[in-house]
Amino acid sequence: MSLVWSLIASFLYVEIFIVLMLVLPVASPQRWQRFFKSRFLAMLSRQAQTYFYLLLFVLVLFLLEAIREMRKYSHNEPTAEQHLNVGMQHSMRLFRAQRNFYISGFAIFLCMVIRRLVSL
């Protein structure tokens, strides 16, 4: 996995951890409410909204790039049937494109889930 996709996957893992912390009964709902309504987070939220949209835009760009790669490798090449190595490389590239699609798609989905959970 390239460095960029490793960073996106790490971001996805952090998002999963945050969602689990918000959903599991680690703290009472009143404590979470106090935490999200604190002055410190109110100060950060003004700037965080800009960064959230920027991050969402970057993730959508990576999602579109993964879709482009999937479309590129989704058709079978005639030379892939003749040479085993070419067919394996083609399948490997398609697998990587699909993996990147799911990583970026779930990262976008969890961004929306976290935003909604925090606003409750």
PDB file of N, CA and C in Angstrom:
ATOM      1  N   MET A   1       0.854  -1.163   0.000  1.00  0.00           N
ATOM      2  CA  MET A   1       0.000   0.000   0.000  1.00  0.00           C
ATOM      3  C   MET A   1       0.904   1.231   0.000  1.00  0.00           C
ATOM      4  N   SER A   2       0.562   2.205  -0.791  1.00  0.00           N
ATOM      5  CA  SER A   2       1.372   3.413  -0.860  1.00  0.00           C
ATOM      6  C   SER A   2       1.200   4.233   0.416  1.00  0.00           C
ATOM      7  N   LEU A   3       2.043   5.231   0.562  1.00  0.00           N
ATOM      8  CA  LEU A   3       2.023   6.053   1.769  1.00  0.00           C
ATOM      9  C   LEU A   3       0.695   6.788   1.919  1.00  0.00           C
ATOM     10  N   VAL A   4       0.166   7.304   0.829  1.00  0.00           N
ATOM     11  CA  VAL A   4      -1.098   8.051   0.886  1.00  0.00           C
ATOM     12  C   VAL A   4      -2.234   7.142   1.334  1.00  0.00           C
ATOM     13  N   TRP A   5      -2.307   5.950   0.745  1.00  0.00           N
ATOM     14  CA  TRP A   5      -3.386   5.037   1.115  1.00  0.00           C
ATOM     15  C   TRP A   5      -3.178   4.487   2.518  1.00  0.00           C
ATOM     16  N   SER A   6      -1.941   4.383   2.971  1.00  0.00           N
ATOM     17  CA  SER A   6      -1.690   3.979   4.360  1.00  0.00           C
ATOM     18  C   SER A   6      -2.186   5.052   5.323  1.00  0.00           C
ATOM     19  N   LEU A   7      -1.981   6.317   4.967  1.00  0.00           N
ATOM     20  CA  LEU A   7      -2.484   7.412   5.801  1.00  0.00           C
ATOM     21  C   LEU A   7      -4.009   7.431   5.826  1.00  0.00           C
ATOM     22  N   ILE A   8      -4.629   7.203   4.680  1.00  0.00           N
ATOM     23  CA  ILE A   8      -6.093   7.183   4.634  1.00  0.00           C
ATOM     24  C   ILE A   8      -6.633   6.004   5.434  1.00  0.00           C
ATOM     25  N   ALA A   9      -5.976   4.850   5.340  1.00  0.00           N
ATOM     26  CA  ALA A   9      -6.402   3.689   6.127  1.00  0.00           C
ATOM     27  C   ALA A   9      -6.211   3.955   7.616  1.00  0.00           C
ATOM     28  N   SER A  10      -5.119   4.603   7.999  1.00  0.00           N
ATOM     29  CA  SER A  10      -4.909   4.958   9.408  1.00  0.00           C
ATOM     30  C   SER A  10      -5.987   5.919   9.886  1.00  0.00           C
ATOM     31  N   PHE A  11      -6.344   6.877   9.042  1.00  0.00           N
ATOM     32  CA  PHE A  11      -7.425   7.801   9.376  1.00  0.00           C
ATOM     33  C   PHE A  11      -8.734   7.049   9.573  1.00  0.00           C
ATOM     34  N   LEU A  12      -8.978   6.053   8.732  1.00  0.00           N
ATOM     35  CA  LEU A  12     -10.177   5.224   8.865  1.00  0.00           C
ATOM     36  C   LEU A  12     -10.173   4.476  10.196  1.00  0.00           C
ATOM     37  N   TYR A  13      -9.025   3.938  10.599  1.00  0.00           N
ATOM     38  CA  TYR A  13      -8.939   3.227  11.879  1.00  0.00           C
ATOM     39  C   TYR A  13      -9.191   4.169  13.053  1.00  0.00           C
ATOM     40  N   VAL A  14      -8.689   5.387  12.966  1.00  0.00           N
ATOM     41  CA  VAL A  14      -8.938   6.377  14.025  1.00  0.00           C
ATOM     42  C   VAL A  14     -10.423   6.720  14.075  1.00  0.00           C
ATOM     43  N   GLU A  15     -11.048   6.855  12.916  1.00  0.00           N
ATOM     44  CA  GLU A  15     -12.487   7.127  12.879  1.00  0.00           C
ATOM     45  C   GLU A  15     -13.286   5.990  13.502  1.00  0.00           C
ATOM     46  N   ILE A  16     -12.902   4.760  13.229  1.00  0.00           N
ATOM     47  CA  ILE A  16     -13.592   3.613  13.826  1.00  0.00           C
ATOM     48  C   ILE A  16     -13.466   3.665  15.337  1.00  0.00           C
ATOM     49  N   PHE A  17     -12.285   3.995  15.836  1.00  0.00           N
ATOM     50  CA  PHE A  17     -12.083   4.109  17.281  1.00  0.00           C
ATOM     51  C   PHE A  17     -12.955   5.217  17.870  1.00  0.00           C
ATOM     52  N   ILE A  18     -13.037   6.353  17.201  1.00  0.00           N
ATOM     53  CA  ILE A  18     -13.857   7.466  17.697  1.00  0.00           C
ATOM     54  C   ILE A  18     -15.329   7.077  17.727  1.00  0.00           C
ATOM     55  N   VAL A  19     -15.809   6.427  16.674  1.00  0.00           N
ATOM     56  CA  VAL A  19     -17.212   6.002  16.647  1.00  0.00           C
ATOM     57  C   VAL A  19     -17.482   5.013  17.774  1.00  0.00           C
ATOM     58  N   LEU A  20     -16.567   4.086  17.999  1.00  0.00           N
ATOM     59  CA  LEU A  20     -16.752   3.130  19.097  1.00  0.00           C
ATOM     60  C   LEU A  20     -16.769   3.832  20.451  1.00  0.00           C
ATOM     61  N   MET A  21     -15.918   4.831  20.627  1.00  0.00           N
ATOM     62  CA  MET A  21     -15.911   5.574  21.889  1.00  0.00           C
ATOM     63  C   MET A  21     -17.221   6.336  22.088  1.00  0.00           C
ATOM     64  N   LEU A  22     -17.785   6.861  21.004  1.00  0.00           N
ATOM     65  CA  LEU A  22     -19.029   7.617  21.121  1.00  0.00           C
ATOM     66  C   LEU A  22     -20.241   6.718  21.309  1.00  0.00           C
ATOM     67  N   VAL A  23     -20.196   5.516  20.764  1.00  0.00           N
ATOM     68  CA  VAL A  23     -21.361   4.634  20.799  1.00  0.00           C
ATOM     69  C   VAL A  23     -21.363   3.739  22.037  1.00  0.00           C
ATOM     70  N   LEU A  24     -20.200   3.237  22.415  1.00  0.00           N
ATOM     71  CA  LEU A  24     -20.137   2.360  23.587  1.00  0.00           C
ATOM     72  C   LEU A  24     -20.374   3.165  24.860  1.00  0.00           C
ATOM     73  N   PRO A  25     -20.919   2.548  25.888  1.00  0.00           N
ATOM     74  CA  PRO A  25     -21.214   3.290  27.129  1.00  0.00           C
ATOM     75  C   PRO A  25     -19.967   3.528  27.979  1.00  0.00           C
ATOM     76  N   VAL A  26     -18.993   4.235  27.427  1.00  0.00           N
ATOM     77  CA  VAL A  26     -17.770   4.552  28.159  1.00  0.00           C
ATOM     78  C   VAL A  26     -18.041   5.687  29.141  1.00  0.00           C
ATOM     79  N   ALA A  27     -18.745   6.691  28.697  1.00  0.00           N
ATOM     80  CA  ALA A  27     -19.104   7.829  29.542  1.00  0.00           C
ATOM     81  C   ALA A  27     -20.605   8.064  29.402  1.00  0.00           C
ATOM     82  N   SER A  28     -21.148   8.723  30.385  1.00  0.00           N
ATOM     83  CA  SER A  28     -22.585   8.998  30.355  1.00  0.00           C
ATOM     84  C   SER A  28     -22.898  10.033  29.267  1.00  0.00           C
ATOM     85  N   PRO A  29     -24.134  10.031  28.771  1.00  0.00           N
ATOM     86  CA  PRO A  29     -24.498  11.018  27.739  1.00  0.00           C
ATOM     87  C   PRO A  29     -24.358  12.459  28.219  1.00  0.00           C
ATOM     88  N   GLN A  30     -24.599  12.702  29.499  1.00  0.00           N
ATOM     89  CA  GLN A  30     -24.448  14.061  30.015  1.00  0.00           C
ATOM     90  C   GLN A  30     -22.983  14.503  29.963  1.00  0.00           C
ATOM     91  N   ARG A  31     -22.080  13.574  30.241  1.00  0.00           N
ATOM     92  CA  ARG A  31     -20.655  13.907  30.203  1.00  0.00           C
ATOM     93  C   ARG A  31     -20.211  14.205  28.767  1.00  0.00           C
ATOM     94  N   TRP A  32     -20.695  13.411  27.804  1.00  0.00           N
ATOM     95  CA  TRP A  32     -20.374  13.690  26.409  1.00  0.00           C
ATOM     96  C   TRP A  32     -20.952  15.040  26.000  1.00  0.00           C
ATOM     97  N   GLN A  33     -22.174  15.336  26.452  1.00  0.00           N
ATOM     98  CA  GLN A  33     -22.818  16.607  26.107  1.00  0.00           C
ATOM     99  C   GLN A  33     -22.010  17.777  26.663  1.00  0.00           C
ATOM    100  N   ARG A  34     -21.569  17.656  27.914  1.00  0.00           N
ATOM    101  CA  ARG A  34     -20.743  18.718  28.495  1.00  0.00           C
ATOM    102  C   ARG A  34     -19.440  18.880  27.728  1.00  0.00           C
ATOM    103  N   PHE A  35     -18.858  17.752  27.328  1.00  0.00           N
ATOM    104  CA  PHE A  35     -17.593  17.801  26.588  1.00  0.00           C
ATOM    105  C   PHE A  35     -17.775  18.504  25.245  1.00  0.00           C
ATOM    106  N   PHE A  36     -18.831  18.176  24.515  1.00  0.00           N
ATOM    107  CA  PHE A  36     -19.029  18.761  23.196  1.00  0.00           C
ATOM    108  C   PHE A  36     -19.544  20.195  23.256  1.00  0.00           C
ATOM    109  N   LYS A  37     -20.087  20.622  24.391  1.00  0.00           N
ATOM    110  CA  LYS A  37     -20.569  21.999  24.534  1.00  0.00           C
ATOM    111  C   LYS A  37     -19.565  22.891  25.262  1.00  0.00           C
ATOM    112  N   SER A  38     -18.377  22.385  25.550  1.00  0.00           N
ATOM    113  CA  SER A  38     -17.382  23.166  26.280  1.00  0.00           C
ATOM    114  C   SER A  38     -16.879  24.333  25.428  1.00  0.00           C
ATOM    115  N   ARG A  39     -16.337  25.340  26.107  1.00  0.00           N
ATOM    116  CA  ARG A  39     -15.839  26.517  25.404  1.00  0.00           C
ATOM    117  C   ARG A  39     -14.627  26.182  24.542  1.00  0.00           C
ATOM    118  N   PHE A  40     -13.813  25.246  25.023  1.00  0.00           N
ATOM    119  CA  PHE A  40     -12.626  24.850  24.264  1.00  0.00           C
ATOM    120  C   PHE A  40     -13.017  24.250  22.914  1.00  0.00           C
ATOM    121  N   LEU A  41     -13.983  23.348  22.923  1.00  0.00           N
ATOM    122  CA  LEU A  41     -14.417  22.747  21.660  1.00  0.00           C
ATOM    123  C   LEU A  41     -15.189  23.744  20.799  1.00  0.00           C
ATOM    124  N   ALA A  42     -15.888  24.686  21.414  1.00  0.00           N
ATOM    125  CA  ALA A  42     -16.580  25.718  20.637  1.00  0.00           C
ATOM    126  C   ALA A  42     -15.569  26.581  19.887  1.00  0.00           C
ATOM    127  N   MET A  43     -14.447  26.865  20.539  1.00  0.00           N
ATOM    128  CA  MET A  43     -13.402  27.639  19.889  1.00  0.00           C
ATOM    129  C   MET A  43     -12.780  26.839  18.733  1.00  0.00           C
ATOM    130  N   LEU A  44     -12.566  25.554  18.959  1.00  0.00           N
ATOM    131  CA  LEU A  44     -11.989  24.712  17.912  1.00  0.00           C
ATOM    132  C   LEU A  44     -12.967  24.444  16.770  1.00  0.00           C
ATOM    133  N   SER A  45     -14.249  24.412  17.068  1.00  0.00           N
ATOM    134  CA  SER A  45     -15.237  24.041  16.047  1.00  0.00           C
ATOM    135  C   SER A  45     -15.331  25.074  14.931  1.00  0.00           C
ATOM    136  N   ARG A  46     -15.043  26.326  15.241  1.00  0.00           N
ATOM    137  CA  ARG A  46     -15.087  27.343  14.192  1.00  0.00           C
ATOM    138  C   ARG A  46     -14.057  27.047  13.099  1.00  0.00           C
ATOM    139  N   GLN A  47     -12.873  26.660  13.522  1.00  0.00           N
ATOM    140  CA  GLN A  47     -11.825  26.352  12.553  1.00  0.00           C
ATOM    141  C   GLN A  47     -11.936  24.923  12.047  1.00  0.00           C
ATOM    142  N   ALA A  48     -12.487  24.044  12.858  1.00  0.00           N
ATOM    143  CA  ALA A  48     -12.559  22.632  12.486  1.00  0.00           C
ATOM    144  C   ALA A  48     -13.518  22.399  11.326  1.00  0.00           C
ATOM    145  N   GLN A  49     -14.521  23.231  11.199  1.00  0.00           N
ATOM    146  CA  GLN A  49     -15.475  23.053  10.108  1.00  0.00           C
ATOM    147  C   GLN A  49     -14.784  23.235   8.754  1.00  0.00           C
ATOM    148  N   THR A  50     -13.893  24.198   8.661  1.00  0.00           N
ATOM    149  CA  THR A  50     -13.140  24.404   7.423  1.00  0.00           C
ATOM    150  C   THR A  50     -12.259  23.204   7.126  1.00  0.00           C
ATOM    151  N   TYR A  51     -11.579  22.701   8.154  1.00  0.00           N
ATOM    152  CA  TYR A  51     -10.716  21.537   7.965  1.00  0.00           C
ATOM    153  C   TYR A  51     -11.527  20.288   7.649  1.00  0.00           C
ATOM    154  N   PHE A  52     -12.723  20.189   8.217  1.00  0.00           N
ATOM    155  CA  PHE A  52     -13.586  19.045   7.931  1.00  0.00           C
ATOM    156  C   PHE A  52     -13.963  19.015   6.456  1.00  0.00           C
ATOM    157  N   TYR A  53     -14.374  20.159   5.919  1.00  0.00           N
ATOM    158  CA  TYR A  53     -14.754  20.210   4.510  1.00  0.00           C
ATOM    159  C   TYR A  53     -13.547  19.980   3.600  1.00  0.00           C
ATOM    160  N   LEU A  54     -12.390  20.476   3.990  1.00  0.00           N
ATOM    161  CA  LEU A  54     -11.180  20.238   3.211  1.00  0.00           C
ATOM    162  C   LEU A  54     -10.828  18.752   3.210  1.00  0.00           C
ATOM    163  N   LEU A  55     -10.908  18.116   4.372  1.00  0.00           N
ATOM    164  CA  LEU A  55     -10.629  16.687   4.474  1.00  0.00           C
ATOM    165  C   LEU A  55     -11.643  15.879   3.675  1.00  0.00           C
ATOM    166  N   LEU A  56     -12.898  16.257   3.760  1.00  0.00           N
ATOM    167  CA  LEU A  56     -13.941  15.575   2.995  1.00  0.00           C
ATOM    168  C   LEU A  56     -13.695  15.715   1.489  1.00  0.00           C
ATOM    169  N   PHE A  57     -13.276  16.885   1.061  1.00  0.00           N
ATOM    170  CA  PHE A  57     -12.965  17.111  -0.352  1.00  0.00           C
ATOM    171  C   PHE A  57     -11.807  16.223  -0.813  1.00  0.00           C
ATOM    172  N   VAL A  58     -10.764  16.114   0.003  1.00  0.00           N
ATOM    173  CA  VAL A  58      -9.616  15.269  -0.347  1.00  0.00           C
ATOM    174  C   VAL A  58     -10.034  13.807  -0.410  1.00  0.00           C
ATOM    175  N   LEU A  59     -10.856  13.367   0.543  1.00  0.00           N
ATOM    176  CA  LEU A  59     -11.321  11.981   0.529  1.00  0.00           C
ATOM    177  C   LEU A  59     -12.191  11.692  -0.695  1.00  0.00           C
ATOM    178  N   VAL A  60     -13.008  12.651  -1.091  1.00  0.00           N
ATOM    179  CA  VAL A  60     -13.829  12.466  -2.294  1.00  0.00           C
ATOM    180  C   VAL A  60     -12.938  12.389  -3.534  1.00  0.00           C
ATOM    181  N   LEU A  61     -11.873  13.185  -3.568  1.00  0.00           N
ATOM    182  CA  LEU A  61     -10.939  13.092  -4.693  1.00  0.00           C
ATOM    183  C   LEU A  61     -10.300  11.708  -4.765  1.00  0.00           C
ATOM    184  N   PHE A  62      -9.908  11.167  -3.621  1.00  0.00           N
ATOM    185  CA  PHE A  62      -9.325   9.824  -3.615  1.00  0.00           C
ATOM    186  C   PHE A  62     -10.360   8.767  -3.973  1.00  0.00           C
ATOM    187  N   LEU A  63     -11.603   8.986  -3.579  1.00  0.00           N
ATOM    188  CA  LEU A  63     -12.666   8.059  -3.969  1.00  0.00           C
ATOM    189  C   LEU A  63     -12.857   8.076  -5.489  1.00  0.00           C
ATOM    190  N   LEU A  64     -12.868   9.259  -6.073  1.00  0.00           N
ATOM    191  CA  LEU A  64     -13.009   9.364  -7.527  1.00  0.00           C
ATOM    192  C   LEU A  64     -11.815   8.741  -8.249  1.00  0.00           C
ATOM    193  N   GLU A  65     -10.628   8.893  -7.685  1.00  0.00           N
ATOM    194  CA  GLU A  65      -9.443   8.278  -8.281  1.00  0.00           C
ATOM    195  C   GLU A  65      -9.537   6.757  -8.219  1.00  0.00           C
ATOM    196  N   ALA A  66     -10.053   6.231  -7.115  1.00  0.00           N
ATOM    197  CA  ALA A  66     -10.224   4.784  -6.990  1.00  0.00           C
ATOM    198  C   ALA A  66     -11.277   4.274  -7.974  1.00  0.00           C
ATOM    199  N   ILE A  67     -12.338   5.042  -8.170  1.00  0.00           N
ATOM    200  CA  ILE A  67     -13.364   4.654  -9.152  1.00  0.00           C
ATOM    201  C   ILE A  67     -12.770   4.645 -10.558  1.00  0.00           C
ATOM    202  N   ARG A  68     -11.941   5.637 -10.857  1.00  0.00           N
ATOM    203  CA  ARG A  68     -11.293   5.684 -12.167  1.00  0.00           C
ATOM    204  C   ARG A  68     -10.405   4.462 -12.378  1.00  0.00           C
ATOM    205  N   GLU A  69      -9.647   4.092 -11.350  1.00  0.00           N
ATOM    206  CA  GLU A  69      -8.786   2.910 -11.452  1.00  0.00           C
ATOM    207  C   GLU A  69      -9.617   1.635 -11.598  1.00  0.00           C
ATOM    208  N   MET A  70     -10.729   1.556 -10.892  1.00  0.00           N
ATOM    209  CA  MET A  70     -11.583   0.369 -11.011  1.00  0.00           C
ATOM    210  C   MET A  70     -12.138   0.247 -12.423  1.00  0.00           C
ATOM    211  N   ARG A  71     -12.570   1.347 -12.989  1.00  0.00           N
ATOM    212  CA  ARG A  71     -13.096   1.307 -14.359  1.00  0.00           C
ATOM    213  C   ARG A  71     -12.001   0.962 -15.354  1.00  0.00           C
ATOM    214  N   LYS A  72     -10.792   1.426 -15.072  1.00  0.00           N
ATOM    215  CA  LYS A  72      -9.666   1.164 -15.964  1.00  0.00           C
ATOM    216  C   LYS A  72      -9.326  -0.325 -16.019  1.00  0.00           C
ATOM    217  N   TYR A  73      -9.388  -0.995 -14.862  1.00  0.00           N
ATOM    218  CA  TYR A  73      -8.995  -2.399 -14.795  1.00  0.00           C
ATOM    219  C   TYR A  73     -10.173  -3.363 -14.760  1.00  0.00           C
ATOM    220  N   SER A  74     -11.388  -2.880 -14.927  1.00  0.00           N
ATOM    221  CA  SER A  74     -12.540  -3.772 -14.825  1.00  0.00           C
ATOM    222  C   SER A  74     -12.785  -4.589 -16.092  1.00  0.00           C
ATOM    223  N   HIS A  75     -12.270  -4.162 -17.211  1.00  0.00           N
ATOM    224  CA  HIS A  75     -12.468  -4.934 -18.441  1.00  0.00           C
ATOM    225  C   HIS A  75     -11.305  -5.917 -18.624  1.00  0.00           C
ATOM    226  N   ASN A  76     -11.576  -7.045 -19.234  1.00  0.00           N
ATOM    227  CA  ASN A  76     -10.550  -8.060 -19.465  1.00  0.00           C
ATOM    228  C   ASN A  76      -9.772  -7.748 -20.733  1.00  0.00           C
ATOM    229  N   GLU A  77      -8.469  -7.835 -20.609  1.00  0.00           N
ATOM    230  CA  GLU A  77      -7.614  -7.625 -21.772  1.00  0.00           C
ATOM    231  C   GLU A  77      -7.390  -8.957 -22.483  1.00  0.00           C
ATOM    232  N   PRO A  78      -7.344  -8.951 -23.805  1.00  0.00           N
ATOM    233  CA  PRO A  78      -7.128 -10.216 -24.519  1.00  0.00           C
ATOM    234  C   PRO A  78      -5.755 -10.828 -24.253  1.00  0.00           C
ATOM    235  N   THR A  79      -4.753  -9.989 -23.977  1.00  0.00           N
ATOM    236  CA  THR A  79      -3.419 -10.534 -23.705  1.00  0.00           C
ATOM    237  C   THR A  79      -3.337 -11.160 -22.328  1.00  0.00           C
ATOM    238  N   ALA A  80      -4.273 -10.818 -21.442  1.00  0.00           N
ATOM    239  CA  ALA A  80      -4.246 -11.371 -20.089  1.00  0.00           C
ATOM    240  C   ALA A  80      -4.539 -12.862 -20.093  1.00  0.00           C
ATOM    241  N   GLU A  81      -5.314 -13.318 -21.070  1.00  0.00           N
ATOM    242  CA  GLU A  81      -5.623 -14.744 -21.139  1.00  0.00           C
ATOM    243  C   GLU A  81      -4.454 -15.542 -21.693  1.00  0.00           C
ATOM    244  N   GLN A  82      -3.605 -14.911 -22.494  1.00  0.00           N
ATOM    245  CA  GLN A  82      -2.482 -15.617 -23.097  1.00  0.00           C
ATOM    246  C   GLN A  82      -1.301 -15.738 -22.141  1.00  0.00           C
ATOM    247  N   HIS A  83      -1.074 -14.720 -21.339  1.00  0.00           N
ATOM    248  CA  HIS A  83       0.070 -14.709 -20.431  1.00  0.00           C
ATOM    249  C   HIS A  83      -0.436 -14.664 -18.996  1.00  0.00           C
ATOM    250  N   LEU A  84      -0.028 -15.631 -18.218  1.00  0.00           N
ATOM    251  CA  LEU A  84      -0.495 -15.727 -16.834  1.00  0.00           C
ATOM    252  C   LEU A  84      -0.025 -14.542 -16.003  1.00  0.00           C
ATOM    253  N   ASN A  85       1.205 -14.112 -16.217  1.00  0.00           N
ATOM    254  CA  ASN A  85       1.758 -13.016 -15.434  1.00  0.00           C
ATOM    255  C   ASN A  85       0.986 -11.720 -15.676  1.00  0.00           C
ATOM    256  N   VAL A  86       0.614 -11.458 -16.906  1.00  0.00           N
ATOM    257  CA  VAL A  86      -0.143 -10.246 -17.240  1.00  0.00           C
ATOM    258  C   VAL A  86      -1.526 -10.303 -16.597  1.00  0.00           C
ATOM    259  N   GLY A  87      -2.149 -11.463 -16.635  1.00  0.00           N
ATOM    260  CA  GLY A  87      -3.465 -11.619 -16.019  1.00  0.00           C
ATOM    261  C   GLY A  87      -3.421 -11.443 -14.514  1.00  0.00           C
ATOM    262  N   MET A  88      -2.363 -11.958 -13.887  1.00  0.00           N
ATOM    263  CA  MET A  88      -2.221 -11.808 -12.431  1.00  0.00           C
ATOM    264  C   MET A  88      -1.995 -10.349 -12.049  1.00  0.00           C
ATOM    265  N   GLN A  89      -1.178  -9.645 -12.820  1.00  0.00           N
ATOM    266  CA  GLN A  89      -0.946  -8.232 -12.535  1.00  0.00           C
ATOM    267  C   GLN A  89      -2.224  -7.419 -12.723  1.00  0.00           C
ATOM    268  N   HIS A  90      -2.982  -7.766 -13.735  1.00  0.00           N
ATOM    269  CA  HIS A  90      -4.256  -7.084 -13.982  1.00  0.00           C
ATOM    270  C   HIS A  90      -5.217  -7.306 -12.814  1.00  0.00           C
ATOM    271  N   SER A  91      -5.308  -8.540 -12.344  1.00  0.00           N
ATOM    272  CA  SER A  91      -6.180  -8.852 -11.203  1.00  0.00           C
ATOM    273  C   SER A  91      -5.696  -8.164  -9.935  1.00  0.00           C
ATOM    274  N   MET A  92      -4.377  -8.093  -9.751  1.00  0.00           N
ATOM    275  CA  MET A  92      -3.815  -7.440  -8.577  1.00  0.00           C
ATOM    276  C   MET A  92      -4.144  -5.945  -8.589  1.00  0.00           C
ATOM    277  N   ARG A  93      -4.027  -5.312  -9.739  1.00  0.00           N
ATOM    278  CA  ARG A  93      -4.330  -3.879  -9.830  1.00  0.00           C
ATOM    279  C   ARG A  93      -5.814  -3.607  -9.607  1.00  0.00           C
ATOM    280  N   LEU A  94      -6.657  -4.492 -10.112  1.00  0.00           N
ATOM    281  CA  LEU A  94      -8.096  -4.347  -9.877  1.00  0.00           C
ATOM    282  C   LEU A  94      -8.407  -4.516  -8.396  1.00  0.00           C
ATOM    283  N   PHE A  95      -7.771  -5.483  -7.741  1.00  0.00           N
ATOM    284  CA  PHE A  95      -7.968  -5.682  -6.304  1.00  0.00           C
ATOM    285  C   PHE A  95      -7.546  -4.445  -5.524  1.00  0.00           C
ATOM    286  N   ARG A  96      -6.399  -3.872  -5.856  1.00  0.00           N
ATOM    287  CA  ARG A  96      -5.929  -2.666  -5.161  1.00  0.00           C
ATOM    288  C   ARG A  96      -6.880  -1.496  -5.379  1.00  0.00           C
ATOM    289  N   ALA A  97      -7.392  -1.352  -6.579  1.00  0.00           N
ATOM    290  CA  ALA A  97      -8.334  -0.268  -6.862  1.00  0.00           C
ATOM    291  C   ALA A  97      -9.617  -0.450  -6.057  1.00  0.00           C
ATOM    292  N   GLN A  98     -10.106  -1.686  -5.960  1.00  0.00           N
ATOM    293  CA  GLN A  98     -11.311  -1.945  -5.172  1.00  0.00           C
ATOM    294  C   GLN A  98     -11.055  -1.719  -3.688  1.00  0.00           C
ATOM    295  N   ARG A  99      -9.882  -2.146  -3.206  1.00  0.00           N
ATOM    296  CA  ARG A  99      -9.526  -1.922  -1.803  1.00  0.00           C
ATOM    297  C   ARG A  99      -9.482  -0.435  -1.502  1.00  0.00           C
ATOM    298  N   ASN A 100      -8.868   0.356  -2.373  1.00  0.00           N
ATOM    299  CA  ASN A 100      -8.787   1.799  -2.175  1.00  0.00           C
ATOM    300  C   ASN A 100     -10.168   2.446  -2.221  1.00  0.00           C
ATOM    301  N   PHE A 101     -11.039   1.933  -3.073  1.00  0.00           N
ATOM    302  CA  PHE A 101     -12.412   2.430  -3.145  1.00  0.00           C
ATOM    303  C   PHE A 101     -13.129   2.219  -1.813  1.00  0.00           C
ATOM    304  N   TYR A 102     -13.016   1.030  -1.245  1.00  0.00           N
ATOM    305  CA  TYR A 102     -13.690   0.752   0.017  1.00  0.00           C
ATOM    306  C   TYR A 102     -13.084   1.545   1.167  1.00  0.00           C
ATOM    307  N   ILE A 103     -11.778   1.693   1.190  1.00  0.00           N
ATOM    308  CA  ILE A 103     -11.135   2.462   2.259  1.00  0.00           C
ATOM    309  C   ILE A 103     -11.602   3.911   2.222  1.00  0.00           C
ATOM    310  N   SER A 104     -11.551   4.534   1.058  1.00  0.00           N
ATOM    311  CA  SER A 104     -11.953   5.940   0.978  1.00  0.00           C
ATOM    312  C   SER A 104     -13.457   6.105   1.168  1.00  0.00           C
ATOM    313  N   GLY A 105     -14.250   5.181   0.670  1.00  0.00           N
ATOM    314  CA  GLY A 105     -15.702   5.264   0.854  1.00  0.00           C
ATOM    315  C   GLY A 105     -16.114   5.151   2.307  1.00  0.00           C
ATOM    316  N   PHE A 106     -15.523   4.196   3.025  1.00  0.00           N
ATOM    317  CA  PHE A 106     -15.853   4.057   4.439  1.00  0.00           C
ATOM    318  C   PHE A 106     -15.320   5.224   5.260  1.00  0.00           C
ATOM    319  N   ALA A 107     -14.189   5.801   4.863  1.00  0.00           N
ATOM    320  CA  ALA A 107     -13.677   6.974   5.568  1.00  0.00           C
ATOM    321  C   ALA A 107     -14.640   8.150   5.419  1.00  0.00           C
ATOM    322  N   ILE A 108     -15.188   8.348   4.228  1.00  0.00           N
ATOM    323  CA  ILE A 108     -16.176   9.414   4.015  1.00  0.00           C
ATOM    324  C   ILE A 108     -17.438   9.135   4.821  1.00  0.00           C
ATOM    325  N   PHE A 109     -17.892   7.888   4.791  1.00  0.00           N
ATOM    326  CA  PHE A 109     -19.095   7.519   5.531  1.00  0.00           C
ATOM    327  C   PHE A 109     -18.918   7.764   7.030  1.00  0.00           C
ATOM    328  N   LEU A 110     -17.782   7.366   7.583  1.00  0.00           N
ATOM    329  CA  LEU A 110     -17.570   7.559   9.016  1.00  0.00           C
ATOM    330  C   LEU A 110     -17.373   9.029   9.374  1.00  0.00           C
ATOM    331  N   CYS A 111     -16.878   9.840   8.453  1.00  0.00           N
ATOM    332  CA  CYS A 111     -16.824  11.291   8.705  1.00  0.00           C
ATOM    333  C   CYS A 111     -18.227  11.836   8.931  1.00  0.00           C
ATOM    334  N   MET A 112     -19.149  11.404   8.090  1.00  0.00           N
ATOM    335  CA  MET A 112     -20.540  11.845   8.236  1.00  0.00           C
ATOM    336  C   MET A 112     -21.161  11.304   9.526  1.00  0.00           C
ATOM    337  N   VAL A 113     -20.867  10.065   9.872  1.00  0.00           N
ATOM    338  CA  VAL A 113     -21.414   9.467  11.096  1.00  0.00           C
ATOM    339  C   VAL A 113     -20.887  10.201  12.323  1.00  0.00           C
ATOM    340  N   ILE A 114     -19.592  10.475  12.360  1.00  0.00           N
ATOM    341  CA  ILE A 114     -19.014  11.184  13.509  1.00  0.00           C
ATOM    342  C   ILE A 114     -19.599  12.581  13.614  1.00  0.00           C
ATOM    343  N   ARG A 115     -19.741  13.248  12.503  1.00  0.00           N
ATOM    344  CA  ARG A 115     -20.326  14.601  12.526  1.00  0.00           C
ATOM    345  C   ARG A 115     -21.742  14.569  13.089  1.00  0.00           C
ATOM    346  N   ARG A 116     -22.513  13.566  12.701  1.00  0.00           N
ATOM    347  CA  ARG A 116     -23.888  13.445  13.199  1.00  0.00           C
ATOM    348  C   ARG A 116     -23.910  13.062  14.675  1.00  0.00           C
ATOM    349  N   LEU A 117     -23.039  12.155  15.095  1.00  0.00           N
ATOM    350  CA  LEU A 117     -23.005  11.750  16.502  1.00  0.00           C
ATOM    351  C   LEU A 117     -22.608  12.912  17.408  1.00  0.00           C
ATOM    352  N   VAL A 118     -21.691  13.732  16.952  1.00  0.00           N
ATOM    353  CA  VAL A 118     -21.254  14.870  17.760  1.00  0.00           C
ATOM    354  C   VAL A 118     -22.357  15.914  17.860  1.00  0.00           C
ATOM    355  N   SER A 119     -23.140  16.074  16.799  1.00  0.00           N
ATOM    356  CA  SER A 119     -24.186  17.100  16.817  1.00  0.00           C
ATOM    357  C   SER A 119     -25.427  16.683  17.597  1.00  0.00           C
ATOM    358  N   LEU A 120     -25.544  15.406  17.955  1.00  0.00           N
ATOM    359  CA  LEU A 120     -26.723  14.974  18.715  1.00  0.00           C
ATOM    360  C   LEU A 120     -26.725  15.572  20.054  1.00  0.00           C
TER     361      LEU A 120
END
